Amino acid sequence: MASKRKHSTLTLKDKLEVLKRLDKSEGVTKIGGSDDETQCDKKDVVPHADGAAAFDLALRYLEQQPDTTPADVLFMRRWRNYA
């Protein structure tokens, strides 16, 4: 069954950059002395579309891996749908 979902216009390079930023947790800084509160740095905020594209890319990557379990795919699909 073919998917009718529109694909992102981001290039693979852009998607990989989004994944790198998410992995490094850029844009999140601690507020003065408190360990449990964080504040986003406005210049480094990842746009919603880029985050959703990163989840879509990660899902496609997981689906191509031979050792991925159905639970892994289900987990990533849920996170993609939340985005």
C-alpha atoms as a PDB file:
ATOM      1  CA  MET A   1       0.000   0.000   0.000  1.00  0.00           C
ATOM      2  CA  ALA A   2       1.473   3.347  -1.022  1.00  0.00           C
ATOM      3  CA  SER A   3       1.727   6.094   1.540  1.00  0.00           C
ATOM      4  CA  LYS A   4      -0.074   9.326   0.688  1.00  0.00           C
ATOM      5  CA  ARG A   5       1.814  11.353   3.298  1.00  0.00           C
ATOM      6  CA  LYS A   6       3.717  14.346   1.960  1.00  0.00           C
ATOM      7  CA  HIS A   7       7.467  14.019   2.350  1.00  0.00           C
ATOM      8  CA  SER A   8       9.596  16.814   3.718  1.00  0.00           C
ATOM      9  CA  THR A   9      11.474  19.055   1.317  1.00  0.00           C
ATOM     10  CA  LEU A  10      14.573  18.832   3.505  1.00  0.00           C
ATOM     11  CA  THR A  11      17.647  17.270   1.973  1.00  0.00           C
ATOM     12  CA  LEU A  12      19.367  14.303   3.570  1.00  0.00           C
ATOM     13  CA  LYS A  13      22.152  16.637   4.732  1.00  0.00           C
ATOM     14  CA  ASP A  14      19.591  18.877   6.493  1.00  0.00           C
ATOM     15  CA  LYS A  15      17.924  15.879   8.123  1.00  0.00           C
ATOM     16  CA  LEU A  16      21.249  14.569   9.383  1.00  0.00           C
ATOM     17  CA  GLU A  17      22.014  18.006  10.848  1.00  0.00           C
ATOM     18  CA  VAL A  18      18.684  17.917  12.700  1.00  0.00           C
ATOM     19  CA  LEU A  19      19.537  14.487  14.094  1.00  0.00           C
ATOM     20  CA  LYS A  20      22.960  15.750  15.219  1.00  0.00           C
ATOM     21  CA  ARG A  21      21.369  18.701  17.013  1.00  0.00           C
ATOM     22  CA  LEU A  22      18.806  16.493  18.710  1.00  0.00           C
ATOM     23  CA  ASP A  23      21.537  14.067  19.747  1.00  0.00           C
ATOM     24  CA  LYS A  24      23.703  16.815  21.250  1.00  0.00           C
ATOM     25  CA  SER A  25      20.689  18.454  22.962  1.00  0.00           C
ATOM     26  CA  GLU A  26      21.685  21.833  21.589  1.00  0.00           C
ATOM     27  CA  GLY A  27      19.535  24.761  22.566  1.00  0.00           C
ATOM     28  CA  VAL A  28      18.822  23.579  26.099  1.00  0.00           C
ATOM     29  CA  THR A  29      20.494  25.400  28.968  1.00  0.00           C
ATOM     30  CA  LYS A  30      20.092  25.072  32.721  1.00  0.00           C
ATOM     31  CA  ILE A  31      18.474  27.863  34.696  1.00  0.00           C
ATOM     32  CA  GLY A  32      20.607  29.261  37.538  1.00  0.00           C
ATOM     33  CA  GLY A  33      21.423  26.393  39.891  1.00  0.00           C
ATOM     34  CA  SER A  34      18.342  24.250  39.290  1.00  0.00           C
ATOM     35  CA  ASP A  35      18.981  20.769  37.915  1.00  0.00           C
ATOM     36  CA  ASP A  36      15.396  19.941  36.942  1.00  0.00           C
ATOM     37  CA  GLU A  37      14.420  23.092  35.033  1.00  0.00           C
ATOM     38  CA  THR A  38      15.602  23.884  31.521  1.00  0.00           C
ATOM     39  CA  GLN A  39      15.149  26.825  29.223  1.00  0.00           C
ATOM     40  CA  CYS A  40      15.366  26.817  25.431  1.00  0.00           C
ATOM     41  CA  ASP A  41      17.843  29.106  23.751  1.00  0.00           C
ATOM     42  CA  LYS A  42      15.737  30.838  21.065  1.00  0.00           C
ATOM     43  CA  LYS A  43      18.448  30.870  18.393  1.00  0.00           C
ATOM     44  CA  ASP A  44      18.982  27.095  18.537  1.00  0.00           C
ATOM     45  CA  VAL A  45      15.365  25.898  18.634  1.00  0.00           C
ATOM     46  CA  VAL A  46      14.679  23.146  16.089  1.00  0.00           C
ATOM     47  CA  PRO A  47      11.529  23.918  14.048  1.00  0.00           C
ATOM     48  CA  HIS A  48       8.625  21.478  14.322  1.00  0.00           C
ATOM     49  CA  ALA A  49       8.886  20.425  10.673  1.00  0.00           C
ATOM     50  CA  ASP A  50      12.581  19.599  11.078  1.00  0.00           C
ATOM     51  CA  GLY A  51      11.930  17.531  14.196  1.00  0.00           C
ATOM     52  CA  ALA A  52       9.122  15.627  12.488  1.00  0.00           C
ATOM     53  CA  ALA A  53      11.373  15.038   9.464  1.00  0.00           C
ATOM     54  CA  ALA A  54      14.080  13.662  11.767  1.00  0.00           C
ATOM     55  CA  PHE A  55      11.643  11.160  13.269  1.00  0.00           C
ATOM     56  CA  ASP A  56      10.522  10.143   9.776  1.00  0.00           C
ATOM     57  CA  LEU A  57      14.139   9.648   8.726  1.00  0.00           C
ATOM     58  CA  ALA A  58      14.885   7.620  11.865  1.00  0.00           C
ATOM     59  CA  LEU A  59      11.830   5.433  11.228  1.00  0.00           C
ATOM     60  CA  ARG A  60      12.895   4.734   7.650  1.00  0.00           C
ATOM     61  CA  TYR A  61      16.399   3.902   8.885  1.00  0.00           C
ATOM     62  CA  LEU A  62      15.035   1.454  11.472  1.00  0.00           C
ATOM     63  CA  GLU A  63      12.821  -0.243   8.897  1.00  0.00           C
ATOM     64  CA  GLN A  64      15.897  -0.946   6.740  1.00  0.00           C
ATOM     65  CA  GLN A  65      17.939  -2.565   9.510  1.00  0.00           C
ATOM     66  CA  PRO A  66      17.840  -6.384   9.614  1.00  0.00           C
ATOM     67  CA  ASP A  67      18.022  -6.632  13.418  1.00  0.00           C
ATOM     68  CA  THR A  68      15.193  -4.167  14.140  1.00  0.00           C
ATOM     69  CA  THR A  69      12.287  -5.657  16.073  1.00  0.00           C
ATOM     70  CA  PRO A  70       8.621  -4.817  15.430  1.00  0.00           C
ATOM     71  CA  ALA A  71       8.577  -3.147  18.855  1.00  0.00           C
ATOM     72  CA  ASP A  72      11.368  -0.786  17.738  1.00  0.00           C
ATOM     73  CA  VAL A  73       9.392   0.213  14.655  1.00  0.00           C
ATOM     74  CA  LEU A  74       6.181   0.666  16.650  1.00  0.00           C
ATOM     75  CA  PHE A  75       7.985   2.817  19.221  1.00  0.00           C
ATOM     76  CA  MET A  76       9.462   5.090  16.538  1.00  0.00           C
ATOM     77  CA  ARG A  77       6.128   5.331  14.672  1.00  0.00           C
ATOM     78  CA  ARG A  78       4.427   6.517  17.845  1.00  0.00           C
ATOM     79  CA  TRP A  79       7.063   9.205  18.425  1.00  0.00           C
ATOM     80  CA  ARG A  80       6.812  10.284  14.779  1.00  0.00           C
ATOM     81  CA  ASN A  81       3.033  10.540  15.107  1.00  0.00           C
ATOM     82  CA  TYR A  82       3.394  12.642  18.270  1.00  0.00           C
ATOM     83  CA  ALA A  83       5.561  15.083  16.331  1.00  0.00           C
END
